[in-house]
C-alpha atoms as a PDB file:
ATOM      1  CA  MET A   1      21.131  24.539 -25.918  1.00  0.00           C
ATOM      2  CA  GLU A   2      23.504  22.714 -23.686  1.00  0.00           C
ATOM      3  CA  ILE A   3      21.989  19.368 -22.543  1.00  0.00           C
ATOM      4  CA  GLU A   4      23.794  17.764 -19.659  1.00  0.00           C
ATOM      5  CA  ILE A   5      22.966  14.086 -19.242  1.00  0.00           C
ATOM      6  CA  THR A   6      23.993  12.478 -15.905  1.00  0.00           C
ATOM      7  CA  ILE A   7      23.835   8.659 -15.493  1.00  0.00           C
ATOM      8  CA  HIS A   8      22.970   8.168 -11.856  1.00  0.00           C
ATOM      9  CA  GLN A   9      22.075   4.482 -12.301  1.00  0.00           C
ATOM     10  CA  LYS A  10      24.867   2.771 -14.331  1.00  0.00           C
ATOM     11  CA  ALA A  11      22.541  -0.030 -15.442  1.00  0.00           C
ATOM     12  CA  TRP A  12      21.159   2.465 -18.004  1.00  0.00           C
ATOM     13  CA  GLU A  13      24.331   2.055 -20.055  1.00  0.00           C
ATOM     14  CA  ALA A  14      23.920  -1.733 -19.977  1.00  0.00           C
ATOM     15  CA  ALA A  15      20.303  -1.497 -20.992  1.00  0.00           C
ATOM     16  CA  LEU A  16      20.876   1.029 -23.734  1.00  0.00           C
ATOM     17  CA  PRO A  17      24.574   1.329 -24.905  1.00  0.00           C
ATOM     18  CA  ASN A  18      24.003   4.658 -26.674  1.00  0.00           C
ATOM     19  CA  VAL A  19      21.688   6.055 -24.028  1.00  0.00           C
ATOM     20  CA  LYS A  20      23.160   9.568 -23.868  1.00  0.00           C
ATOM     21  CA  GLU A  21      22.907  10.095 -27.629  1.00  0.00           C
ATOM     22  CA  MET A  22      19.391   8.700 -27.631  1.00  0.00           C
ATOM     23  CA  VAL A  23      18.331  10.960 -24.739  1.00  0.00           C
ATOM     24  CA  ARG A  24      19.984  14.002 -26.359  1.00  0.00           C
ATOM     25  CA  ASN A  25      18.063  13.364 -29.576  1.00  0.00           C
ATOM     26  CA  ALA A  26      14.721  12.995 -27.804  1.00  0.00           C
ATOM     27  CA  ALA A  27      15.332  16.201 -25.820  1.00  0.00           C
ATOM     28  CA  LEU A  28      16.238  18.150 -28.968  1.00  0.00           C
ATOM     29  CA  ALA A  29      13.090  16.827 -30.665  1.00  0.00           C
ATOM     30  CA  ALA A  30      10.933  18.236 -27.809  1.00  0.00           C
ATOM     31  CA  LEU A  31      12.833  21.522 -27.799  1.00  0.00           C
ATOM     32  CA  VAL A  32      12.362  21.971 -31.659  1.00  0.00           C
ATOM     33  CA  LYS A  33       8.581  21.606 -31.022  1.00  0.00           C
ATOM     34  CA  SER A  34       8.630  24.396 -28.468  1.00  0.00           C
ATOM     35  CA  GLU A  35       7.291  27.784 -29.579  1.00  0.00           C
ATOM     36  CA  ASN A  36      10.039  29.566 -27.655  1.00  0.00           C
ATOM     37  CA  SER A  37      12.482  29.111 -24.837  1.00  0.00           C
ATOM     38  CA  ALA A  38      15.111  31.501 -23.826  1.00  0.00           C
ATOM     39  CA  ALA A  39      16.862  28.693 -21.812  1.00  0.00           C
ATOM     40  CA  SER A  40      20.216  27.541 -22.805  1.00  0.00           C
ATOM     41  CA  GLU A  41      20.785  24.639 -20.407  1.00  0.00           C
ATOM     42  CA  LEU A  42      18.841  21.549 -19.599  1.00  0.00           C
ATOM     43  CA  CYS A  43      19.811  18.572 -17.264  1.00  0.00           C
ATOM     44  CA  ILE A  44      18.567  15.059 -17.610  1.00  0.00           C
ATOM     45  CA  VAL A  45      19.301  12.471 -14.915  1.00  0.00           C
ATOM     46  CA  LEU A  46      18.942   8.824 -15.618  1.00  0.00           C
ATOM     47  CA  GLY A  47      18.212   7.403 -12.154  1.00  0.00           C
ATOM     48  CA  ASP A  48      16.523   4.530 -10.436  1.00  0.00           C
ATOM     49  CA  ASP A  49      13.380   3.972  -8.345  1.00  0.00           C
ATOM     50  CA  ASP A  50      15.205   4.841  -5.155  1.00  0.00           C
ATOM     51  CA  LEU A  51      16.145   8.251  -6.432  1.00  0.00           C
ATOM     52  CA  LEU A  52      12.682   8.944  -7.932  1.00  0.00           C
ATOM     53  CA  HIS A  53      10.983   7.733  -4.791  1.00  0.00           C
ATOM     54  CA  GLU A  54      13.055  10.075  -2.693  1.00  0.00           C
ATOM     55  CA  LEU A  55      12.392  13.013  -4.968  1.00  0.00           C
ATOM     56  CA  ASN A  56       8.719  12.290  -5.468  1.00  0.00           C
ATOM     57  CA  SER A  57       8.287  11.968  -1.624  1.00  0.00           C
ATOM     58  CA  LYS A  58      10.227  15.185  -0.834  1.00  0.00           C
ATOM     59  CA  TYR A  59       8.878  17.494  -3.551  1.00  0.00           C
ATOM     60  CA  CYS A  60       5.517  15.999  -4.542  1.00  0.00           C
ATOM     61  CA  GLY A  61       4.304  14.442  -1.363  1.00  0.00           C
ATOM     62  CA  ARG A  62       3.887  11.006  -2.941  1.00  0.00           C
ATOM     63  CA  ASP A  63       5.456   8.035  -1.170  1.00  0.00           C
ATOM     64  CA  ASN A  64       6.334   5.974  -4.189  1.00  0.00           C
ATOM     65  CA  PRO A  65       8.669   5.938  -7.179  1.00  0.00           C
ATOM     66  CA  THR A  66       7.474   7.261 -10.461  1.00  0.00           C
ATOM     67  CA  ASN A  67       8.701   7.118 -14.158  1.00  0.00           C
ATOM     68  CA  VAL A  68       9.565  10.718 -14.658  1.00  0.00           C
ATOM     69  CA  LEU A  69       9.901  14.001 -12.724  1.00  0.00           C
ATOM     70  CA  ALA A  70      10.454  17.436 -14.200  1.00  0.00           C
ATOM     71  CA  PHE A  71      11.647  20.438 -12.036  1.00  0.00           C
ATOM     72  CA  ARG A  72      11.530  23.772 -13.783  1.00  0.00           C
ATOM     73  CA  TYR A  73      14.103  26.130 -12.321  1.00  0.00           C
ATOM     74  CA  SER A  74      11.843  29.105 -12.871  1.00  0.00           C
ATOM     75  CA  ASP A  75       9.240  27.478 -10.517  1.00  0.00           C
ATOM     76  CA  GLY A  76      11.443  28.117  -7.537  1.00  0.00           C
ATOM     77  CA  GLY A  77      12.166  31.822  -8.199  1.00  0.00           C
ATOM     78  CA  SER A  78      15.001  33.080 -10.393  1.00  0.00           C
ATOM     79  CA  SER A  79      16.244  30.717 -13.043  1.00  0.00           C
ATOM     80  CA  MET A  80      19.541  32.428 -13.159  1.00  0.00           C
ATOM     81  CA  ILE A  81      22.240  30.715 -11.178  1.00  0.00           C
ATOM     82  CA  ASN A  82      25.421  32.799 -11.338  1.00  0.00           C
ATOM     83  CA  ARG A  83      25.514  32.404 -15.084  1.00  0.00           C
ATOM     84  CA  SER A  84      24.781  34.495 -18.067  1.00  0.00           C
ATOM     85  CA  TYR A  85      22.165  32.145 -19.382  1.00  0.00           C
ATOM     86  CA  GLU A  86      18.932  30.618 -18.246  1.00  0.00           C
ATOM     87  CA  ILE A  87      18.661  27.087 -16.969  1.00  0.00           C
ATOM     88  CA  LEU A  88      15.460  25.387 -18.057  1.00  0.00           C
ATOM     89  CA  GLY A  89      15.462  22.686 -15.406  1.00  0.00           C
ATOM     90  CA  ASP A  90      15.861  18.958 -14.653  1.00  0.00           C
ATOM     91  CA  VAL A  91      14.183  15.807 -15.927  1.00  0.00           C
ATOM     92  CA  ILE A  92      14.820  12.722 -13.883  1.00  0.00           C
ATOM     93  CA  ILE A  93      13.794   9.234 -15.090  1.00  0.00           C
ATOM     94  CA  SER A  94      13.752   5.862 -13.270  1.00  0.00           C
ATOM     95  CA  LEU A  95      15.159   2.850 -15.074  1.00  0.00           C
ATOM     96  CA  GLU A  96      13.091   0.238 -13.142  1.00  0.00           C
ATOM     97  CA  THR A  97       9.790   1.986 -13.671  1.00  0.00           C
ATOM     98  CA  ALA A  98      10.473   2.839 -17.276  1.00  0.00           C
ATOM     99  CA  SER A  99      11.545  -0.787 -17.979  1.00  0.00           C
ATOM    100  CA  ILE A 100       8.418  -2.232 -16.368  1.00  0.00           C
ATOM    101  CA  GLU A 101       6.199   0.206 -18.224  1.00  0.00           C
ATOM    102  CA  ALA A 102       7.863  -0.532 -21.505  1.00  0.00           C
ATOM    103  CA  THR A 103       7.314  -4.245 -21.132  1.00  0.00           C
ATOM    104  CA  SER A 104       3.690  -3.796 -20.137  1.00  0.00           C
ATOM    105  CA  ILE A 105       2.881  -1.572 -23.054  1.00  0.00           C
ATOM    106  CA  LYS A 106       4.931  -3.712 -25.486  1.00  0.00           C
ATOM    107  CA  ARG A 107       7.292  -0.926 -26.483  1.00  0.00           C
ATOM    108  CA  SER A 108      11.096  -1.013 -26.400  1.00  0.00           C
ATOM    109  CA  LEU A 109      12.898   0.693 -23.587  1.00  0.00           C
ATOM    110  CA  ARG A 110      14.442   3.093 -26.245  1.00  0.00           C
ATOM    111  CA  GLU A 111      10.944   4.066 -27.424  1.00  0.00           C
ATOM    112  CA  HIS A 112       9.488   4.507 -23.970  1.00  0.00           C
ATOM    113  CA  LEU A 113      12.582   6.364 -22.619  1.00  0.00           C
ATOM    114  CA  SER A 114      12.375   8.772 -25.599  1.00  0.00           C
ATOM    115  CA  HIS A 115       8.747   9.389 -24.864  1.00  0.00           C
ATOM    116  CA  LEU A 116       9.470  10.050 -21.084  1.00  0.00           C
ATOM    117  CA  VAL A 117      12.318  12.476 -22.097  1.00  0.00           C
ATOM    118  CA  ILE A 118      10.086  14.326 -24.454  1.00  0.00           C
ATOM    119  CA  HIS A 119       7.229  14.307 -21.911  1.00  0.00           C
ATOM    120  CA  GLY A 120       9.496  15.681 -19.141  1.00  0.00           C
ATOM    121  CA  VAL A 121      11.080  18.442 -21.360  1.00  0.00           C
ATOM    122  CA  LEU A 122       7.626  19.580 -22.454  1.00  0.00           C
ATOM    123  CA  HIS A 123       6.623  19.953 -18.828  1.00  0.00           C
ATOM    124  CA  LEU A 124       9.731  22.125 -18.328  1.00  0.00           C
ATOM    125  CA  LEU A 125       8.570  24.245 -21.293  1.00  0.00           C
ATOM    126  CA  GLY A 126       5.241  24.866 -19.572  1.00  0.00           C
ATOM    127  CA  TYR A 127       2.998  22.192 -21.065  1.00  0.00           C
ATOM    128  CA  ASP A 128       0.789  19.972 -18.875  1.00  0.00           C
ATOM    129  CA  HIS A 129      -2.195  17.655 -19.073  1.00  0.00           C
ATOM    130  CA  GLU A 130      -4.373  19.035 -16.363  1.00  0.00           C
ATOM    131  CA  THR A 131      -7.315  19.516 -18.664  1.00  0.00           C
ATOM    132  CA  ASP A 132      -8.451  17.475 -21.659  1.00  0.00           C
ATOM    133  CA  MET A 133      -7.579  20.313 -24.011  1.00  0.00           C
ATOM    134  CA  ASP A 134      -4.078  20.687 -22.529  1.00  0.00           C
ATOM    135  CA  ALA A 135      -3.559  16.842 -22.631  1.00  0.00           C
ATOM    136  CA  GLN A 136      -4.587  16.827 -26.349  1.00  0.00           C
ATOM    137  CA  LEU A 137      -2.106  19.641 -27.145  1.00  0.00           C
ATOM    138  CA  MET A 138       0.783  18.041 -25.180  1.00  0.00           C
ATOM    139  CA  GLU A 139       0.097  14.641 -26.660  1.00  0.00           C
ATOM    140  CA  SER A 140       0.080  16.019 -30.268  1.00  0.00           C
ATOM    141  CA  ILE A 141       3.433  17.670 -29.624  1.00  0.00           C
ATOM    142  CA  GLU A 142       4.789  14.435 -28.105  1.00  0.00           C
ATOM    143  CA  VAL A 143       3.607  12.458 -31.111  1.00  0.00           C
ATOM    144  CA  ASP A 144       5.159  15.009 -33.542  1.00  0.00           C
ATOM    145  CA  ALA A 145       8.467  15.037 -31.583  1.00  0.00           C
ATOM    146  CA  LEU A 146       8.583  11.147 -31.448  1.00  0.00           C
ATOM    147  CA  ALA A 147       7.927  10.886 -35.178  1.00  0.00           C
ATOM    148  CA  GLN A 148      10.897  13.285 -35.793  1.00  0.00           C
ATOM    149  CA  ILE A 149      13.161  10.610 -34.175  1.00  0.00           C
ATOM    150  CA  GLY A 150      11.537   7.743 -35.908  1.00  0.00           C
ATOM    151  CA  ILE A 151       9.177   6.454 -33.065  1.00  0.00           C
ATOM    152  CA  SER A 152       5.517   5.667 -33.653  1.00  0.00           C
ATOM    153  CA  ASN A 153       2.567   7.247 -31.887  1.00  0.00           C
ATOM    154  CA  PRO A 154       2.323   5.787 -28.309  1.00  0.00           C
ATOM    155  CA  TYR A 155      -1.212   7.063 -27.948  1.00  0.00           C
ATOM    156  CA  GLU A 156      -2.712   4.811 -30.721  1.00  0.00           C
ATOM    157  CA  ILE A 157      -5.085   2.313 -29.208  1.00  0.00           C
ATOM    158  CA  GLU A 158      -2.649  -0.630 -29.447  1.00  0.00           C
ATOM    159  CA  ASN A 159       0.175   1.490 -28.090  1.00  0.00           C
ATOM    160  CA  LEU A 160      -1.795   3.472 -25.413  1.00  0.00           C
ATOM    161  CA  VAL A 161       0.451   5.039 -22.837  1.00  0.00           C
ATOM    162  CA  VAL A 162      -0.859   7.114 -20.024  1.00  0.00           C
ATOM    163  CA  LEU A 163       1.759   9.223 -18.426  1.00  0.00           C
ATOM    164  CA  PRO A 164       1.303  11.046 -15.111  1.00  0.00           C
END
């Protein structure tokens, strides 16, 4: 799988010097946990609150920034874009919101960003948390993927994280 990582907000590199490698590892951990995906390309954008606010407003009808958005290419029709392989979609993450959340839940930015990447990639793979059963399944996959890259369970009581 080709994973394109775009740094839209340069402050990501100052906050986490090896951010691209870390994001790639988190994405691969999520992809390994997937039952199947024919996709061969994924894009992750490390942005800021302005970008996430704009996208959240335009595509989700919410007039505020958010931590992570995931846009599956197959949701908009064909996922083939003049290429001989399938594009899974885009995951976009805000530095400001992720940093504030990490501080409030007493996790490092690296840990929280890894969780957001995994969470976003799982949404692209079709997982959601609309029902309690779906949420339990998605959370268990997130916990397993995070453990694979050496990060503890964010859903334990002292580490409780609620993602949209």
